[in-house]
C-alpha cells in the first residue's frame, strides 16, 4: 500500500465512509478507490484534490501523511511564541528614544546608532523573514526546497550573514576610535544611504535561509 493510499484509507475510515461511498462522491469507480488504497495506482492531481475535499483535509496531508495531533499543538505553540517575541522586539525597537541616535554631536549619542541600525535591525528583519516562513509552513503547508544547489545557497547565505556581522563590528570599533564628529558623520551617511534598504534585504535573506534549511540538514555536500 502506498503512503497516499494508506492516508486515503485512514481518513476514509475515520469518516465512516465505504470505498463505494467515496467513489460515488468523486465520480470514479469502486475499483479505482480500491486500487488507490492498495497502491496499485495513484490518483491524479484533480482526483486527489476531490478526495481531499470529501475527506475534509488537503492534498498535502494525503501525500505527506496525517500530522500527529500532539506535534500540531506543539508546533502551534512554538509559532505563537515566536510571533509574540517578534512583536515584542519590533515594539521595543520602534520605541527607542531618539536621544539614542545622533543628537548633540557627542560620541556617546552616536554609539547606540552604530550598533542598533547596522547590526540589530538586520538581525531582526532576518528573524522576521524566518518566522513568517515558519508560520507559512504550518498554515499553508509550505516546505523548504531540496537539492545540492539549495545546500550550497544555504551555506553561502549563512557565510554572508556572518561576514556582514563581523565587518559591522570591526567598522564600529574603528569608528569609535575617532573623534565624535567623525563617528556622527559616518552614522549619518549610513542612515541616509543604507538604512532604507535594510528591511527588505534582510527580510528576503531570512526567507531564503528558511527555504533552503532542510536541504542543508538532509545530507552533507559530496
Protein backbone atom coordinates (compact mmCIF):
# COMPACT_ATOMS: atom_id res chain seq x y z
CA UNK A 1 0.00 0.00 0.00
CA UNK A 2 1.43 3.40 -0.98
CA UNK A 3 1.59 6.22 1.53
CA UNK A 4 -1.11 8.12 -0.38
CA UNK A 5 -3.36 5.05 -0.44
CA UNK A 6 -2.79 4.44 3.26
CA UNK A 7 -3.65 8.03 4.12
CA UNK A 8 -6.80 7.90 2.00
CA UNK A 9 -7.88 4.70 3.73
CA UNK A 10 -7.24 6.04 7.24
CA UNK A 11 -9.16 9.26 6.64
CA UNK A 12 -11.96 7.47 4.81
CA UNK A 13 -12.45 5.08 7.72
CA UNK A 14 -12.41 7.98 10.19
CA UNK A 15 -15.30 9.44 8.22
CA UNK A 16 -17.03 6.03 8.40
CA UNK A 17 -17.26 6.00 4.64
CA UNK A 18 -17.02 2.92 2.44
CA UNK A 19 -14.91 2.75 -0.68
CA UNK A 20 -18.10 2.73 -2.72
CA UNK A 21 -19.38 5.88 -0.96
CA UNK A 22 -16.14 7.71 -1.67
CA UNK A 23 -16.14 6.52 -5.29
CA UNK A 24 -19.64 7.90 -5.87
CA UNK A 25 -18.80 11.28 -4.35
CA UNK A 26 -15.84 11.87 -6.65
CA UNK A 27 -17.39 10.15 -9.69
CA UNK A 28 -14.95 7.26 -10.07
CA UNK A 29 -15.41 3.52 -9.85
CA UNK A 30 -15.19 1.42 -6.71
CA UNK A 31 -12.22 -0.36 -8.29
CA UNK A 32 -10.36 2.94 -8.65
CA UNK A 33 -10.62 3.64 -4.93
CA UNK A 34 -9.54 0.10 -4.16
CA UNK A 35 -6.52 0.46 -6.45
CA UNK A 36 -5.59 3.79 -4.84
CA UNK A 37 -5.67 2.36 -1.34
CA UNK A 38 -3.84 -0.85 -2.27
CA UNK A 39 -1.11 1.08 -4.08
CA UNK A 40 -1.81 -0.44 -7.49
CA UNK A 41 -2.32 3.06 -8.85
CA UNK A 42 -2.24 6.63 -7.62
CA UNK A 43 -4.86 9.34 -8.14
CA UNK A 44 -4.15 12.26 -10.43
CA UNK A 45 -3.94 15.80 -9.07
CA UNK A 46 -7.60 16.62 -9.78
CA UNK A 47 -8.81 13.37 -8.25
CA UNK A 48 -6.53 13.85 -5.24
CA UNK A 49 -7.97 17.32 -4.62
CA UNK A 50 -11.53 15.95 -4.87
CA UNK A 51 -10.73 13.17 -2.39
CA UNK A 52 -9.17 15.70 -0.01
CA UNK A 53 -12.28 17.89 -0.17
CA UNK A 54 -14.59 14.96 0.55
CA UNK A 55 -12.43 13.83 3.48
CA UNK A 56 -12.20 17.41 4.88
CA UNK A 57 -8.44 17.65 4.51
CA UNK A 58 -5.94 18.87 1.94
CA UNK A 59 -3.84 17.24 -0.76
CA UNK A 60 -0.62 17.73 1.24
CA UNK A 61 -2.00 15.60 4.06
CA UNK A 62 -2.84 12.79 1.63
CA UNK A 63 0.63 12.99 0.07
CA UNK A 64 2.88 13.56 3.10
CA UNK A 65 0.90 11.95 5.89
CA UNK A 66 -1.53 12.79 8.64
CA UNK A 67 0.05 15.10 11.24
CA UNK A 68 0.21 13.87 14.79
CA UNK A 69 -2.15 15.91 16.99
CA UNK A 70 0.50 16.37 19.69
CA UNK A 71 3.00 17.63 17.15
CA UNK A 72 0.42 20.02 15.75
CA UNK A 73 -0.24 21.55 19.17
CA UNK A 74 3.49 21.81 19.91
CA UNK A 75 4.23 23.46 16.57
CA UNK A 76 1.30 25.84 17.01
CA UNK A 77 2.60 26.87 20.43
CA UNK A 78 6.12 27.37 19.03
CA UNK A 79 4.85 29.59 16.22
CA UNK A 80 2.70 31.61 18.62
CA UNK A 81 5.71 32.11 20.91
CA UNK A 82 7.91 33.20 18.01
CA UNK A 83 5.29 35.68 16.80
CA UNK A 84 4.97 37.15 20.30
CA UNK A 85 8.76 37.51 20.54
CA UNK A 86 8.81 39.14 17.12
CA UNK A 87 6.06 41.59 18.11
CA UNK A 88 7.82 42.43 21.37
CA UNK A 89 11.15 43.07 19.65
CA UNK A 90 9.52 45.16 16.96
CA UNK A 91 7.71 47.28 19.54
CA UNK A 92 10.90 47.72 21.56
CA UNK A 93 12.97 48.77 18.55
CA UNK A 94 10.32 51.17 17.26
CA UNK A 95 10.02 52.94 20.61
CA UNK A 96 13.69 53.52 21.32
CA UNK A 97 14.03 57.18 22.25
CA UNK A 98 15.51 59.49 19.63
CA UNK A 99 18.14 60.54 22.16
CA UNK A 100 19.90 57.25 21.49
CA UNK A 101 20.55 58.39 17.95
CA UNK A 102 22.60 61.33 16.69
CA UNK A 103 21.65 64.40 18.70
CA UNK A 104 24.18 66.87 20.06
CA UNK A 105 27.27 65.52 18.32
CA UNK A 106 28.79 63.60 21.22
CA UNK A 107 30.34 60.17 20.80
CA UNK A 108 28.02 58.75 23.47
CA UNK A 109 24.91 59.66 21.48
CA UNK A 110 26.21 58.22 18.22
CA UNK A 111 27.40 54.91 19.69
CA UNK A 112 23.97 53.22 20.05
CA UNK A 113 23.09 54.13 16.47
CA UNK A 114 26.22 52.42 15.16
CA UNK A 115 25.23 49.16 16.82
CA UNK A 116 21.45 49.36 16.53
CA UNK A 117 20.93 50.10 12.86
CA UNK A 118 23.66 48.13 11.06
CA UNK A 119 23.63 45.09 13.36
CA UNK A 120 20.45 44.75 15.44
CA UNK A 121 17.95 45.75 12.74
CA UNK A 122 19.33 43.34 10.11
CA UNK A 123 19.15 40.51 12.64
CA UNK A 124 15.55 41.49 13.49
CA UNK A 125 14.38 41.52 9.87
CA UNK A 126 16.23 38.29 9.09
CA UNK A 127 14.43 36.70 12.03
CA UNK A 128 11.15 38.17 10.78
CA UNK A 129 11.56 36.53 7.38
CA UNK A 130 12.41 33.20 9.01
CA UNK A 131 9.43 33.27 11.39
CA UNK A 132 6.98 34.28 8.65
CA UNK A 133 8.07 31.26 6.60
CA UNK A 134 7.86 29.05 9.67
CA UNK A 135 4.27 30.16 10.15
CA UNK A 136 3.59 29.59 6.45
CA UNK A 137 4.87 26.03 6.81
CA UNK A 138 2.14 25.40 9.38
CA UNK A 139 -0.81 27.32 7.96
CA UNK A 140 -0.07 27.00 4.22
CA UNK A 141 1.91 23.73 4.30
CA UNK A 142 4.95 25.41 2.74
CA UNK A 143 8.03 23.22 2.51
CA UNK A 144 11.73 24.04 2.09
CA UNK A 145 13.34 23.30 -1.24
CA UNK A 146 15.72 20.39 -1.70
CA UNK A 147 18.78 19.59 -3.73
CA UNK A 148 22.52 20.17 -3.83
CA UNK A 149 22.15 23.69 -5.22
CA UNK A 150 19.95 24.69 -2.27
CA UNK A 151 22.51 23.34 0.19
CA UNK A 152 25.19 25.45 -1.45
CA UNK A 153 22.97 28.53 -1.39
CA UNK A 154 22.15 27.99 2.30
CA UNK A 155 25.82 27.72 3.25
CA UNK A 156 26.65 30.77 1.15
CA UNK A 157 23.89 32.86 2.77
CA UNK A 158 24.98 31.83 6.28
CA UNK A 159 28.57 32.79 5.49
CA UNK A 160 27.50 36.14 4.02
CA UNK A 161 25.43 36.94 7.10
CA UNK A 162 28.30 36.03 9.41
CA UNK A 163 30.76 38.04 7.33
CA UNK A 164 28.42 41.04 7.39
CA UNK A 165 28.17 40.95 11.21
CA UNK A 166 31.95 40.69 11.57
CA UNK A 167 32.56 43.61 9.20
CA UNK A 168 29.98 45.77 11.01
CA UNK A 169 31.56 45.08 14.39
CA UNK A 170 35.03 45.89 13.04
CA UNK A 171 33.75 49.09 11.45
CA UNK A 172 32.10 50.14 14.72
CA UNK A 173 35.30 49.56 16.67
CA UNK A 174 37.33 51.55 14.15
CA UNK A 175 34.86 54.44 14.01
CA UNK A 176 34.60 54.64 17.79
CA UNK A 177 38.35 55.20 17.90
CA UNK A 178 37.99 58.53 16.11
CA UNK A 179 36.68 61.79 17.42
CA UNK A 180 32.94 62.16 17.91
CA UNK A 181 32.32 64.30 14.77
CA UNK A 182 33.73 61.53 12.59
CA UNK A 183 31.52 58.98 14.29
CA UNK A 184 28.39 61.05 13.86
CA UNK A 185 29.22 61.84 10.22
CA UNK A 186 29.70 58.13 9.43
CA UNK A 187 26.48 57.23 11.23
CA UNK A 188 24.61 59.95 9.37
CA UNK A 189 25.83 58.74 5.97
CA UNK A 190 24.86 55.19 6.87
CA UNK A 191 21.38 56.28 7.99
CA UNK A 192 20.73 58.05 4.68
CA UNK A 193 22.36 55.61 2.23
CA UNK A 194 21.86 52.18 3.79
CA UNK A 195 19.10 52.24 6.41
CA UNK A 196 16.11 52.35 3.99
CA UNK A 197 17.32 49.15 2.30
CA UNK A 198 17.82 47.10 5.46
CA UNK A 199 14.24 45.82 6.00
CA UNK A 200 13.58 44.31 2.53
CA UNK A 201 17.09 42.94 2.01
CA UNK A 202 17.36 41.11 5.31
CA UNK A 203 13.71 40.03 5.30
CA UNK A 204 14.34 38.31 1.96
CA UNK A 205 17.53 36.83 3.44
CA UNK A 206 15.53 35.31 6.31
CA UNK A 207 13.02 33.84 3.86
CA UNK A 208 15.84 32.40 1.72
CA UNK A 209 17.53 30.84 4.74
CA UNK A 210 14.31 29.07 5.70
CA UNK A 211 13.58 27.91 2.17
CA UNK A 212 16.97 26.19 1.93
CA UNK A 213 17.20 24.93 5.52
CA UNK A 214 16.02 21.32 5.10
CA UNK A 215 18.37 20.75 2.20
CA UNK A 216 21.24 21.87 4.39
CA UNK A 217 20.28 19.41 7.12
CA UNK A 218 19.46 16.44 4.98
CA UNK A 219 22.91 15.35 3.90
CA UNK A 220 26.45 16.66 3.65
CA UNK A 221 27.86 18.02 0.44
CA UNK A 222 29.62 15.35 -1.63
